[in-house]
Amino acid sequence: MTTLTTADIEAGFDNENWLGWGYLGERSRATTRWEVGNADQIVLRFANALGWTADDLFAWANSKDGRYFGDWAFGGFDLANEPAWLPSLFPAHPAAR
């Protein structure tokens, strides 16, 4: 099993299927590297725990679930207090949603 990294997230910006929204869209508007770094680590923690492929990660990062995560992550989240609903934004097979 391959471990996904930040480079896999960033590869989505060059994907011709990126529609300009989702987590990638929210991430592109983040104001600090701290925000991006911490949000990426949460994304990668879920993605790797679920066994996502790079295609799964892109599908999620280009989705409404990804946008909802980005709204939370770049709207002033608290790393110490992840909301109970957060795992629901990371489905086992995001490409199938």
N, C-alpha and C. Protein backbone atom coordinates (compact mmCIF):
# COMPACT_ATOMS: atom_id res chain seq x y z
N MET A 1 0.85 -1.19 0.00
CA MET A 1 0.00 0.00 0.00
C MET A 1 0.89 1.25 0.00
N THR A 2 0.56 2.19 -0.85
CA THR A 2 1.31 3.44 -0.97
C THR A 2 0.78 4.45 0.04
N THR A 3 1.69 5.15 0.69
CA THR A 3 1.30 6.22 1.60
C THR A 3 1.18 7.52 0.83
N LEU A 4 0.03 8.14 0.92
CA LEU A 4 -0.21 9.42 0.26
C LEU A 4 0.52 10.53 1.00
N THR A 5 0.95 11.54 0.26
CA THR A 5 1.68 12.67 0.82
C THR A 5 1.09 13.99 0.32
N THR A 6 1.63 15.07 0.82
CA THR A 6 1.21 16.40 0.36
C THR A 6 1.38 16.54 -1.15
N ALA A 7 2.41 15.92 -1.70
CA ALA A 7 2.62 15.99 -3.15
C ALA A 7 1.42 15.40 -3.90
N ASP A 8 0.79 14.37 -3.33
CA ASP A 8 -0.40 13.80 -3.97
C ASP A 8 -1.57 14.78 -3.95
N ILE A 9 -1.70 15.53 -2.87
CA ILE A 9 -2.74 16.56 -2.81
C ILE A 9 -2.47 17.62 -3.88
N GLU A 10 -1.24 18.12 -3.91
CA GLU A 10 -0.88 19.21 -4.82
C GLU A 10 -0.95 18.79 -6.28
N ALA A 11 -0.80 17.51 -6.58
CA ALA A 11 -0.91 17.03 -7.96
C ALA A 11 -2.31 17.30 -8.51
N GLY A 12 -3.30 17.40 -7.63
CA GLY A 12 -4.67 17.67 -8.06
C GLY A 12 -4.84 19.00 -8.77
N PHE A 13 -3.98 19.98 -8.44
CA PHE A 13 -4.08 21.28 -9.11
C PHE A 13 -3.80 21.17 -10.60
N ASP A 14 -3.01 20.17 -10.99
CA ASP A 14 -2.67 19.99 -12.40
C ASP A 14 -3.59 18.99 -13.11
N ASN A 15 -4.52 18.41 -12.39
CA ASN A 15 -5.42 17.43 -12.97
C ASN A 15 -6.47 18.15 -13.83
N GLU A 16 -6.58 17.74 -15.06
CA GLU A 16 -7.52 18.41 -15.98
C GLU A 16 -8.97 18.28 -15.54
N ASN A 17 -9.26 17.37 -14.62
CA ASN A 17 -10.63 17.19 -14.13
C ASN A 17 -10.95 18.05 -12.92
N TRP A 18 -9.96 18.82 -12.41
CA TRP A 18 -10.24 19.68 -11.28
C TRP A 18 -11.17 20.79 -11.74
N LEU A 19 -12.24 20.99 -11.00
CA LEU A 19 -13.27 21.95 -11.39
C LEU A 19 -13.14 23.29 -10.68
N GLY A 20 -12.10 23.46 -9.87
CA GLY A 20 -11.88 24.75 -9.21
C GLY A 20 -12.47 24.85 -7.82
N TRP A 21 -13.07 23.78 -7.34
CA TRP A 21 -13.65 23.83 -5.99
C TRP A 21 -13.18 22.64 -5.19
N GLY A 22 -13.96 22.25 -4.21
CA GLY A 22 -13.55 21.16 -3.33
C GLY A 22 -12.48 21.61 -2.36
N TYR A 23 -11.79 20.66 -1.75
CA TYR A 23 -10.71 20.99 -0.83
C TYR A 23 -9.62 21.76 -1.55
N LEU A 24 -9.32 21.39 -2.79
CA LEU A 24 -8.29 22.09 -3.54
C LEU A 24 -8.62 23.58 -3.69
N GLY A 25 -9.87 23.88 -3.98
CA GLY A 25 -10.27 25.27 -4.12
C GLY A 25 -10.14 26.04 -2.82
N GLU A 26 -10.59 25.43 -1.74
CA GLU A 26 -10.48 26.08 -0.43
C GLU A 26 -9.01 26.21 -0.03
N ARG A 27 -8.23 25.18 -0.30
CA ARG A 27 -6.80 25.18 0.05
C ARG A 27 -6.08 26.29 -0.70
N SER A 28 -6.44 26.54 -1.94
CA SER A 28 -5.77 27.56 -2.73
C SER A 28 -6.03 28.97 -2.20
N ARG A 29 -7.06 29.11 -1.38
CA ARG A 29 -7.39 30.43 -0.81
C ARG A 29 -6.96 30.58 0.64
N ALA A 30 -6.28 29.57 1.19
CA ALA A 30 -5.83 29.64 2.59
C ALA A 30 -4.83 30.78 2.74
N THR A 31 -4.84 31.38 3.90
CA THR A 31 -3.99 32.56 4.10
C THR A 31 -2.64 32.27 4.74
N THR A 32 -2.47 31.11 5.37
CA THR A 32 -1.18 30.81 6.00
C THR A 32 -0.72 29.40 5.70
N ARG A 33 0.59 29.19 5.72
CA ARG A 33 1.16 27.85 5.53
C ARG A 33 0.77 26.96 6.70
N TRP A 34 0.59 27.55 7.90
CA TRP A 34 0.17 26.78 9.07
C TRP A 34 -1.18 26.13 8.80
N GLU A 35 -2.11 26.92 8.27
CA GLU A 35 -3.43 26.38 7.95
C GLU A 35 -3.33 25.23 6.96
N VAL A 36 -2.61 25.45 5.88
CA VAL A 36 -2.49 24.43 4.84
C VAL A 36 -1.82 23.19 5.40
N GLY A 37 -0.71 23.36 6.11
CA GLY A 37 0.02 22.22 6.65
C GLY A 37 -0.81 21.38 7.60
N ASN A 38 -1.51 22.02 8.50
CA ASN A 38 -2.34 21.29 9.46
C ASN A 38 -3.54 20.63 8.80
N ALA A 39 -4.18 21.33 7.89
CA ALA A 39 -5.32 20.75 7.18
C ALA A 39 -4.86 19.55 6.35
N ASP A 40 -3.75 19.69 5.64
CA ASP A 40 -3.23 18.58 4.84
C ASP A 40 -2.95 17.36 5.72
N GLN A 41 -2.41 17.57 6.89
CA GLN A 41 -2.11 16.44 7.77
C GLN A 41 -3.37 15.70 8.20
N ILE A 42 -4.44 16.43 8.43
CA ILE A 42 -5.72 15.79 8.78
C ILE A 42 -6.23 15.00 7.57
N VAL A 43 -6.20 15.61 6.40
CA VAL A 43 -6.64 14.92 5.17
C VAL A 43 -5.83 13.64 4.97
N LEU A 44 -4.53 13.74 5.08
CA LEU A 44 -3.67 12.58 4.84
C LEU A 44 -3.87 11.50 5.91
N ARG A 45 -4.13 11.91 7.13
CA ARG A 45 -4.39 10.92 8.20
C ARG A 45 -5.61 10.09 7.85
N PHE A 46 -6.70 10.74 7.46
CA PHE A 46 -7.91 10.01 7.08
C PHE A 46 -7.68 9.20 5.82
N ALA A 47 -7.11 9.82 4.78
CA ALA A 47 -6.93 9.15 3.49
C ALA A 47 -6.07 7.90 3.62
N ASN A 48 -4.99 8.00 4.35
CA ASN A 48 -4.11 6.84 4.50
C ASN A 48 -4.74 5.77 5.39
N ALA A 49 -5.46 6.17 6.41
CA ALA A 49 -6.14 5.18 7.27
C ALA A 49 -7.21 4.42 6.50
N LEU A 50 -7.84 5.09 5.54
CA LEU A 50 -8.89 4.45 4.74
C LEU A 50 -8.33 3.70 3.53
N GLY A 51 -7.03 3.80 3.30
CA GLY A 51 -6.42 3.10 2.19
C GLY A 51 -6.72 3.71 0.83
N TRP A 52 -6.95 5.03 0.80
CA TRP A 52 -7.26 5.70 -0.45
C TRP A 52 -6.08 5.62 -1.41
N THR A 53 -6.40 5.63 -2.69
CA THR A 53 -5.42 5.78 -3.75
C THR A 53 -5.29 7.27 -4.06
N ALA A 54 -4.33 7.60 -4.91
CA ALA A 54 -4.21 9.00 -5.35
C ALA A 54 -5.47 9.44 -6.09
N ASP A 55 -6.09 8.52 -6.83
CA ASP A 55 -7.35 8.86 -7.52
C ASP A 55 -8.48 9.12 -6.53
N ASP A 56 -8.54 8.33 -5.46
CA ASP A 56 -9.54 8.56 -4.42
C ASP A 56 -9.33 9.93 -3.77
N LEU A 57 -8.07 10.24 -3.48
CA LEU A 57 -7.75 11.52 -2.85
C LEU A 57 -8.17 12.67 -3.76
N PHE A 58 -7.88 12.57 -5.05
CA PHE A 58 -8.29 13.63 -5.96
C PHE A 58 -9.81 13.74 -6.02
N ALA A 59 -10.50 12.61 -6.10
CA ALA A 59 -11.97 12.64 -6.16
C ALA A 59 -12.53 13.37 -4.94
N TRP A 60 -11.97 13.08 -3.78
CA TRP A 60 -12.43 13.75 -2.56
C TRP A 60 -12.07 15.23 -2.58
N ALA A 61 -10.84 15.55 -2.98
CA ALA A 61 -10.36 16.93 -2.97
C ALA A 61 -11.09 17.80 -3.99
N ASN A 62 -11.84 17.19 -4.89
CA ASN A 62 -12.60 17.89 -5.92
C ASN A 62 -14.11 17.78 -5.65
N SER A 63 -14.46 17.43 -4.41
CA SER A 63 -15.85 17.12 -4.09
C SER A 63 -16.47 18.10 -3.10
N LYS A 64 -17.79 17.95 -2.90
CA LYS A 64 -18.48 18.75 -1.88
C LYS A 64 -17.97 18.41 -0.49
N ASP A 65 -17.72 17.12 -0.22
CA ASP A 65 -17.16 16.75 1.08
C ASP A 65 -15.84 17.47 1.31
N GLY A 66 -15.01 17.53 0.27
CA GLY A 66 -13.75 18.24 0.38
C GLY A 66 -13.95 19.72 0.64
N ARG A 67 -14.94 20.30 -0.03
CA ARG A 67 -15.23 21.72 0.19
C ARG A 67 -15.71 21.97 1.61
N TYR A 68 -16.58 21.08 2.11
CA TYR A 68 -17.06 21.24 3.48
C TYR A 68 -15.91 21.15 4.47
N PHE A 69 -15.01 20.21 4.22
CA PHE A 69 -13.83 20.13 5.08
C PHE A 69 -13.02 21.42 5.00
N GLY A 70 -12.81 21.91 3.79
CA GLY A 70 -12.06 23.15 3.61
C GLY A 70 -12.71 24.34 4.29
N ASP A 71 -14.04 24.40 4.24
CA ASP A 71 -14.76 25.47 4.94
C ASP A 71 -14.42 25.45 6.42
N TRP A 72 -14.43 24.24 6.99
CA TRP A 72 -14.11 24.10 8.42
C TRP A 72 -12.63 24.37 8.66
N ALA A 73 -11.77 23.74 7.88
CA ALA A 73 -10.33 23.82 8.12
C ALA A 73 -9.79 25.24 7.95
N PHE A 74 -10.28 25.97 6.97
CA PHE A 74 -9.75 27.29 6.72
C PHE A 74 -10.63 28.40 7.28
N GLY A 75 -11.60 27.99 8.08
CA GLY A 75 -12.47 28.96 8.73
C GLY A 75 -12.13 29.13 10.20
N GLY A 76 -10.98 28.63 10.62
CA GLY A 76 -10.54 28.81 12.00
C GLY A 76 -10.74 27.59 12.88
N PHE A 77 -10.31 26.43 12.40
CA PHE A 77 -10.49 25.22 13.19
C PHE A 77 -9.54 25.15 14.37
N ASP A 78 -9.87 24.30 15.32
CA ASP A 78 -9.06 24.07 16.50
C ASP A 78 -8.57 22.62 16.43
N LEU A 79 -7.27 22.43 16.25
CA LEU A 79 -6.72 21.08 16.10
C LEU A 79 -7.02 20.19 17.29
N ALA A 80 -7.18 20.78 18.46
CA ALA A 80 -7.42 19.99 19.66
C ALA A 80 -8.87 19.50 19.77
N ASN A 81 -9.75 20.07 18.99
CA ASN A 81 -11.18 19.74 19.11
C ASN A 81 -11.80 19.48 17.74
N GLU A 82 -11.47 18.33 17.15
CA GLU A 82 -12.09 17.97 15.88
C GLU A 82 -13.55 17.64 16.14
N PRO A 83 -14.46 18.16 15.32
CA PRO A 83 -15.88 17.90 15.53
C PRO A 83 -16.23 16.43 15.27
N ALA A 84 -17.25 15.96 15.93
CA ALA A 84 -17.67 14.56 15.81
C ALA A 84 -18.08 14.21 14.38
N TRP A 85 -18.57 15.16 13.61
CA TRP A 85 -19.02 14.90 12.24
C TRP A 85 -17.88 14.81 11.24
N LEU A 86 -16.68 15.17 11.62
CA LEU A 86 -15.57 15.22 10.68
C LEU A 86 -15.35 13.90 9.92
N PRO A 87 -15.34 12.74 10.57
CA PRO A 87 -15.12 11.49 9.81
C PRO A 87 -16.14 11.25 8.70
N SER A 88 -17.34 11.81 8.83
CA SER A 88 -18.36 11.59 7.80
C SER A 88 -17.97 12.23 6.47
N LEU A 89 -17.03 13.16 6.48
CA LEU A 89 -16.59 13.81 5.24
C LEU A 89 -15.55 12.99 4.49
N PHE A 90 -15.13 11.87 5.10
CA PHE A 90 -14.08 11.04 4.50
C PHE A 90 -14.63 9.64 4.27
N PRO A 91 -15.37 9.43 3.16
CA PRO A 91 -15.97 8.13 2.88
C PRO A 91 -14.92 7.10 2.49
N ALA A 92 -15.26 5.84 2.65
CA ALA A 92 -14.33 4.77 2.32
C ALA A 92 -13.95 4.78 0.84
N HIS A 93 -14.89 5.11 -0.01
CA HIS A 93 -14.65 5.13 -1.46
C HIS A 93 -15.17 6.43 -2.06
N PRO A 94 -14.40 7.53 -1.94
CA PRO A 94 -14.90 8.83 -2.38
C PRO A 94 -15.21 8.90 -3.87
N ALA A 95 -14.51 8.15 -4.69
CA ALA A 95 -14.76 8.21 -6.13
C ALA A 95 -16.14 7.67 -6.50
N ALA A 96 -16.72 6.88 -5.60
CA ALA A 96 -18.04 6.29 -5.88
C ALA A 96 -19.19 7.19 -5.45
N ARG A 97 -18.92 8.29 -4.77
CA ARG A 97 -19.98 9.17 -4.28
C ARG A 97 -20.47 10.11 -5.34
